[in-house]
Amino acid sequence: MVTGRFAPSPSGPLHIGNLRTALLALCFARSAGGDFLIRMEDLTTEASADHESAQLADLAALGIDHDGDVVRQSERRDLYAAAITRLEDADLTYPCFCSRREITEAVIAPHGELPEGAYPGTCSHLSTSEQQRRMAQRGRSTLRIRAAGRTVSFEDQLCGAQSGRLDDFVLRRWDGIAAYNLAVVVDDHDQGIDQVTRGDDLLATTPRQIFVHQVLGFEPPTYVHVPLVLGPDGRRIAKRHGPRSLAEVGAAGLAPLEVLRLLAESIGITDLAEPLSANSLADRFDPGELSRSPWTFDLSAEVTS
């Protein structure tokens, strides 16, 4: 038995790609006899209760239900602070005073081959007095974890063997708010999440999160990174493709049940039973039938067909 989750940021309406990922997360969890949780990752400045309500309403309209109460990151700051304290006490962190421009302009070294845009470790060896001087000068800092040079490998259930080389990534932002790569780890561990199903645009961040799991003494979950939804032009679905949210595609003539039917077919369930529901799809979901290729959503073709 597993526990899976869907964890959107309530910063706007869910688009068709988000809804497909939510359905897949439910199907992966429930088809294994597990629980399915909802967590709102509302630490972003754009997050709002109105967006949260709208997202939950859209999930409900498709029959994507969940176990237990909705959890919100904004109510869990003490957990993140405690995790950061543990890492600070273990001397695994340091303050960073670099601006984005300084990081972009820095020469990449001394840790060998790192990803494009990786942090070069500029502040990693500052003395205490120099840290104090820069703090007095700039008035703020981020907090980074000492991870540079390490390689983390894992097996993704859908994408296979993966490996990533780490830089010293941010744990706490300059405004004191926990960064995504820390918060998501603390949340998944605290909630007992042992299966993470999400879009494959987040595949590259996974080694960072596994590393945080490891240094905090947590067991990392298994990961399933699913293909994204593309527009008819072959690019990741976006506003340029027209209506994307459930309300928008509904106004264009595609009812929620029709959306669910399309999503079902996109994940390999074509012989649909009636009445159609998200949970009935989970009962018939076969991970082996899920395509490794992105799914193309063309609203105009669906409405006129």
Protein backbone atom coordinates (compact mmCIF):
# COMPACT_ATOMS: atom_id res chain seq x y z
CA MET A 1 0.00 0.00 0.00
CA VAL A 2 1.24 3.46 -0.89
CA THR A 3 0.32 7.05 -0.11
CA GLY A 4 0.35 9.43 -3.06
CA ARG A 5 -0.47 13.11 -3.38
CA PHE A 6 -1.25 16.01 -5.67
CA ALA A 7 0.34 19.27 -4.56
CA PRO A 8 -0.58 22.28 -6.71
CA SER A 9 0.30 25.89 -6.07
CA PRO A 10 -2.96 27.86 -5.61
CA SER A 11 -1.72 30.76 -7.70
CA GLY A 12 -4.27 30.46 -10.50
CA PRO A 13 -6.67 27.99 -12.12
CA LEU A 14 -5.58 24.43 -12.81
CA HIS A 15 -5.06 23.89 -16.53
CA ILE A 16 -5.71 20.69 -18.45
CA GLY A 17 -2.14 19.50 -17.85
CA ASN A 18 -2.47 19.96 -14.08
CA LEU A 19 -5.78 18.08 -14.11
CA ARG A 20 -4.25 15.18 -16.05
CA THR A 21 -1.38 14.97 -13.56
CA ALA A 22 -3.87 15.01 -10.66
CA LEU A 23 -5.82 12.16 -12.27
CA LEU A 24 -2.63 10.18 -12.81
CA ALA A 25 -1.51 10.74 -9.22
CA LEU A 26 -4.86 9.43 -8.01
CA CYS A 27 -4.73 6.46 -10.39
CA PHE A 28 -1.19 5.46 -9.42
CA ALA A 29 -2.05 5.62 -5.71
CA ARG A 30 -5.52 4.08 -5.74
CA SER A 31 -4.63 1.33 -8.24
CA ALA A 32 -2.02 0.20 -5.70
CA GLY A 33 -4.65 0.21 -2.94
CA GLY A 34 -3.24 3.36 -1.38
CA ASP A 35 -4.40 6.74 -0.13
CA PHE A 36 -4.43 9.94 -2.14
CA LEU A 37 -3.80 13.29 -0.43
CA ILE A 38 -4.08 16.93 -1.48
CA ARG A 39 -1.55 19.52 -0.34
CA MET A 40 -1.60 23.19 -1.25
CA GLU A 41 1.89 24.56 -1.86
CA ASP A 42 0.87 28.11 -0.99
CA LEU A 43 4.19 29.69 -0.04
CA THR A 44 4.27 31.62 -3.32
CA THR A 45 3.31 35.29 -3.27
CA GLU A 46 0.53 34.69 -5.83
CA ALA A 47 -1.25 32.05 -3.73
CA SER A 48 -4.75 32.83 -2.47
CA ALA A 49 -7.69 31.16 -0.77
CA ASP A 50 -9.85 31.97 -3.80
CA HIS A 51 -7.50 30.09 -6.13
CA GLU A 52 -7.42 27.18 -3.69
CA SER A 53 -11.22 26.97 -3.60
CA ALA A 54 -11.42 27.11 -7.40
CA GLN A 55 -8.81 24.37 -7.78
CA LEU A 56 -10.57 22.08 -5.31
CA ALA A 57 -13.88 22.72 -7.09
CA ASP A 58 -12.35 21.73 -10.43
CA LEU A 59 -10.92 18.53 -8.98
CA ALA A 60 -14.30 17.71 -7.46
CA ALA A 61 -16.04 18.39 -10.79
CA LEU A 62 -13.92 15.62 -12.30
CA GLY A 63 -14.55 13.32 -9.34
CA ILE A 64 -10.93 13.53 -8.17
CA ASP A 65 -11.50 13.15 -4.44
CA HIS A 66 -8.92 12.79 -1.68
CA ASP A 67 -8.34 11.21 1.70
CA GLY A 68 -8.05 13.31 4.85
CA ASP A 69 -7.92 17.08 5.13
CA VAL A 70 -6.24 19.43 2.69
CA VAL A 71 -2.81 20.42 4.04
CA ARG A 72 -1.35 23.89 3.44
CA GLN A 73 2.33 24.75 3.48
CA SER A 74 1.58 28.18 4.93
CA GLU A 75 0.46 26.41 8.13
CA ARG A 76 3.65 24.34 8.42
CA ARG A 77 6.42 26.92 8.75
CA ASP A 78 7.54 25.58 12.14
CA LEU A 79 8.30 22.20 10.56
CA TYR A 80 10.50 23.83 7.92
CA ALA A 81 12.30 25.94 10.52
CA ALA A 82 13.03 22.85 12.61
CA ALA A 83 14.46 21.01 9.60
CA ILE A 84 16.69 23.97 8.75
CA THR A 85 17.93 24.12 12.34
CA ARG A 86 18.93 20.45 12.12
CA LEU A 87 20.91 21.12 8.96
CA GLU A 88 22.53 24.23 10.44
CA ASP A 89 23.54 22.29 13.57
CA ALA A 90 25.15 19.69 11.31
CA ASP A 91 27.17 22.45 9.56
CA LEU A 92 25.51 21.65 6.24
CA THR A 93 24.42 25.20 5.43
CA TYR A 94 25.79 28.68 4.87
CA PRO A 95 24.36 32.15 4.15
CA CYS A 96 24.61 33.44 0.61
CA PHE A 97 24.62 37.14 -0.28
CA CYS A 98 24.80 36.82 -4.08
CA SER A 99 22.26 38.50 -6.30
CA ARG A 100 20.84 36.67 -9.30
CA ARG A 101 22.92 38.85 -11.57
CA GLU A 102 26.12 37.99 -9.67
CA ILE A 103 25.35 34.29 -9.91
CA THR A 104 24.66 34.56 -13.63
CA GLU A 105 27.91 36.40 -14.22
CA ALA A 106 30.04 34.14 -12.02
CA VAL A 107 32.48 31.69 -13.54
CA ILE A 108 31.35 28.10 -13.02
CA ALA A 109 34.01 26.17 -11.00
CA PRO A 110 35.34 24.69 -8.70
CA HIS A 111 33.06 21.66 -8.56
CA GLY A 112 33.46 20.27 -12.06
CA GLU A 113 30.54 19.84 -14.42
CA LEU A 114 27.38 21.34 -12.92
CA PRO A 115 24.03 22.07 -14.55
CA GLU A 116 23.58 25.29 -16.50
CA GLY A 117 22.75 28.10 -14.11
CA ALA A 118 24.16 26.20 -11.13
CA TYR A 119 25.44 28.18 -8.15
CA PRO A 120 29.28 28.30 -8.21
CA GLY A 121 29.79 28.31 -4.43
CA THR A 122 30.86 31.95 -4.16
CA CYS A 123 29.82 32.35 -0.50
CA SER A 124 30.62 28.81 0.64
CA HIS A 125 33.91 29.63 2.38
CA LEU A 126 33.34 33.12 3.78
CA SER A 127 34.67 33.74 7.27
CA THR A 128 32.27 34.67 10.04
CA SER A 129 33.50 38.25 9.99
CA GLU A 130 33.01 38.50 6.23
CA GLN A 131 29.50 37.06 6.53
CA GLN A 132 28.72 39.71 9.12
CA ARG A 133 30.17 42.46 6.93
CA ARG A 134 28.11 41.40 3.92
CA MET A 135 24.97 41.04 6.02
CA ALA A 136 25.44 44.61 7.30
CA GLN A 137 26.01 45.79 3.75
CA ARG A 138 23.16 43.96 2.02
CA GLY A 139 20.70 43.44 4.86
CA ARG A 140 19.57 39.99 3.77
CA SER A 141 20.76 36.57 2.67
CA THR A 142 19.52 33.24 1.44
CA LEU A 143 20.54 29.96 3.08
CA ARG A 144 22.20 27.29 0.96
CA ILE A 145 22.96 23.64 1.60
CA ARG A 146 26.46 22.26 1.13
CA ALA A 147 25.81 19.77 -1.67
CA ALA A 148 28.06 20.79 -4.56
CA GLY A 149 29.92 18.03 -6.34
CA ARG A 150 27.65 15.24 -5.18
CA THR A 151 25.83 13.04 -7.66
CA VAL A 152 22.45 11.56 -6.76
CA SER A 153 20.98 8.70 -8.76
CA PHE A 154 17.51 7.18 -8.59
CA GLU A 155 15.11 4.98 -10.54
CA ASP A 156 11.99 6.70 -11.80
CA GLN A 157 9.04 4.33 -12.24
CA LEU A 158 8.26 5.74 -15.66
CA CYS A 159 11.45 7.44 -16.88
CA GLY A 160 13.94 4.81 -15.70
CA ALA A 161 17.44 5.42 -14.34
CA GLN A 162 18.20 9.07 -13.57
CA SER A 163 21.21 10.93 -12.21
CA GLY A 164 21.93 14.53 -11.31
CA ARG A 165 24.95 16.47 -10.10
CA LEU A 166 24.16 18.96 -7.35
CA ASP A 167 25.10 22.54 -6.67
CA ASP A 168 24.64 24.35 -3.36
CA PHE A 169 20.95 25.05 -3.79
CA VAL A 170 18.76 27.34 -1.67
CA LEU A 171 16.93 26.04 1.41
CA ARG A 172 15.54 29.35 2.65
CA ARG A 173 14.81 32.39 0.54
CA TRP A 174 15.97 35.92 1.35
CA ASP A 175 12.50 36.71 2.77
CA GLY A 176 12.82 33.89 5.33
CA ILE A 177 10.40 31.54 3.56
CA ALA A 178 11.40 27.91 3.06
CA ALA A 179 12.39 27.11 -0.51
CA TYR A 180 10.50 24.49 -2.50
CA ASN A 181 13.24 21.86 -2.34
CA LEU A 182 13.15 21.89 1.46
CA ALA A 183 9.42 22.32 2.03
CA VAL A 184 8.38 19.53 -0.32
CA VAL A 185 10.74 17.07 1.41
CA VAL A 186 9.56 17.96 4.92
CA ASP A 187 5.92 17.74 3.80
CA ASP A 188 6.27 14.41 2.03
CA HIS A 189 8.04 12.86 5.01
CA ASP A 190 5.62 14.29 7.58
CA GLN A 191 2.57 13.15 5.60
CA GLY A 192 3.94 9.67 4.96
CA ILE A 193 4.07 10.19 1.20
CA ASP A 194 5.94 7.31 -0.36
CA GLN A 195 4.87 7.78 -3.98
CA VAL A 196 5.26 11.10 -5.80
CA THR A 197 3.55 11.38 -9.19
CA ARG A 198 4.12 14.69 -10.95
CA GLY A 199 5.01 16.25 -14.31
CA ASP A 200 8.33 15.38 -15.87
CA ASP A 201 9.27 19.06 -15.94
CA LEU A 202 10.23 18.49 -12.29
CA LEU A 203 12.47 15.51 -13.02
CA ALA A 204 15.66 17.58 -12.83
CA THR A 205 14.82 18.84 -9.31
CA THR A 206 14.44 15.34 -7.87
CA PRO A 207 18.14 14.68 -7.05
CA ARG A 208 18.11 17.81 -4.87
CA GLN A 209 15.09 16.60 -2.96
CA ILE A 210 16.47 13.10 -2.53
CA PHE A 211 19.65 14.62 -1.09
CA VAL A 212 17.63 16.64 1.45
CA HIS A 213 15.75 13.46 2.39
CA GLN A 214 19.07 11.70 2.93
CA VAL A 215 20.77 14.36 5.06
CA LEU A 216 17.66 14.67 7.24
CA GLY A 217 17.61 10.89 7.72
CA PHE A 218 14.35 10.40 5.78
CA GLU A 219 13.52 7.60 3.36
CA PRO A 220 12.87 9.15 -0.09
CA PRO A 221 9.61 8.23 -1.81
CA THR A 222 9.41 6.51 -5.16
CA TYR A 223 8.95 8.87 -8.09
CA VAL A 224 6.77 8.76 -11.19
CA HIS A 225 7.36 11.66 -13.57
CA VAL A 226 4.61 11.73 -16.17
CA PRO A 227 4.71 13.38 -19.60
CA LEU A 228 3.38 16.91 -19.99
CA VAL A 229 0.43 18.07 -22.05
CA LEU A 230 1.27 19.93 -25.25
CA GLY A 231 -0.74 22.27 -27.42
CA PRO A 232 -1.43 21.60 -31.11
CA ASP A 233 1.81 23.43 -32.00
CA GLY A 234 3.82 20.83 -30.09
CA ARG A 235 4.83 23.21 -27.32
CA ARG A 236 3.97 22.97 -23.64
CA ILE A 237 0.36 24.01 -23.13
CA ALA A 238 0.08 27.70 -22.30
CA LYS A 239 -2.17 30.73 -22.60
CA ARG A 240 -1.30 31.10 -26.28
CA HIS A 241 -3.28 27.90 -26.94
CA GLY A 242 -6.52 29.49 -25.77
CA PRO A 243 -8.86 28.00 -23.14
CA ARG A 244 -7.03 25.69 -20.73
CA SER A 245 -8.87 25.64 -17.39
CA LEU A 246 -11.98 23.56 -16.74
CA ALA A 247 -14.16 26.68 -16.76
CA GLU A 248 -12.61 27.93 -20.00
CA VAL A 249 -12.93 24.67 -21.88
CA GLY A 250 -16.47 24.34 -20.50
CA ALA A 251 -17.37 27.74 -21.93
CA ALA A 252 -15.95 26.53 -25.24
CA GLY A 253 -18.27 23.54 -25.22
CA LEU A 254 -16.46 20.74 -23.38
CA ALA A 255 -18.28 19.58 -20.25
CA PRO A 256 -16.37 18.12 -17.23
CA LEU A 257 -17.47 14.55 -18.03
CA GLU A 258 -16.15 14.96 -21.58
CA VAL A 259 -12.87 16.30 -20.19
CA LEU A 260 -12.61 13.27 -17.91
CA ARG A 261 -13.27 10.97 -20.87
CA LEU A 262 -10.48 12.64 -22.85
CA LEU A 263 -8.10 12.40 -19.91
CA ALA A 264 -8.97 8.72 -19.47
CA GLU A 265 -8.15 7.98 -23.09
CA SER A 266 -4.89 9.95 -22.78
CA ILE A 267 -3.68 7.66 -19.97
CA GLY A 268 -4.47 4.46 -21.83
CA ILE A 269 -8.04 3.68 -20.71
CA THR A 270 -10.11 3.47 -23.88
CA ASP A 271 -12.84 0.93 -23.07
CA LEU A 272 -14.73 3.22 -20.73
CA ALA A 273 -17.41 1.87 -18.43
CA GLU A 274 -20.48 3.84 -17.35
CA PRO A 275 -21.00 5.71 -15.16
CA LEU A 276 -17.64 7.30 -15.71
CA SER A 277 -15.77 8.45 -12.59
CA ALA A 278 -12.20 9.16 -11.57
CA ASN A 279 -12.21 6.28 -9.08
CA SER A 280 -13.55 3.83 -11.67
CA LEU A 281 -10.62 4.85 -13.87
CA ALA A 282 -8.21 4.17 -11.00
CA ASP A 283 -9.67 0.65 -10.69
CA ARG A 284 -8.88 -0.02 -14.36
CA PHE A 285 -5.63 1.91 -14.64
CA ASP A 286 -2.61 -0.04 -15.90
CA PRO A 287 0.69 1.87 -15.53
CA GLY A 288 2.10 -0.24 -18.33
CA GLU A 289 -0.40 1.28 -20.76
CA LEU A 290 0.64 4.87 -20.03
CA SER A 291 2.51 6.42 -22.95
CA ARG A 292 5.95 7.85 -22.27
CA SER A 293 5.26 10.56 -24.85
CA PRO A 294 3.53 13.89 -24.18
CA TRP A 295 -0.19 14.12 -24.83
CA THR A 296 -1.46 16.75 -27.26
CA PHE A 297 -4.62 18.63 -26.33
CA ASP A 298 -6.35 20.45 -29.19
CA LEU A 299 -9.55 22.00 -27.86
CA SER A 300 -10.81 23.13 -31.25
CA ALA A 301 -10.57 19.60 -32.62
CA GLU A 302 -12.36 18.13 -29.61
CA VAL A 303 -15.22 20.65 -29.70
CA THR A 304 -15.88 20.20 -33.42
CA SER A 305 -15.52 16.41 -33.45
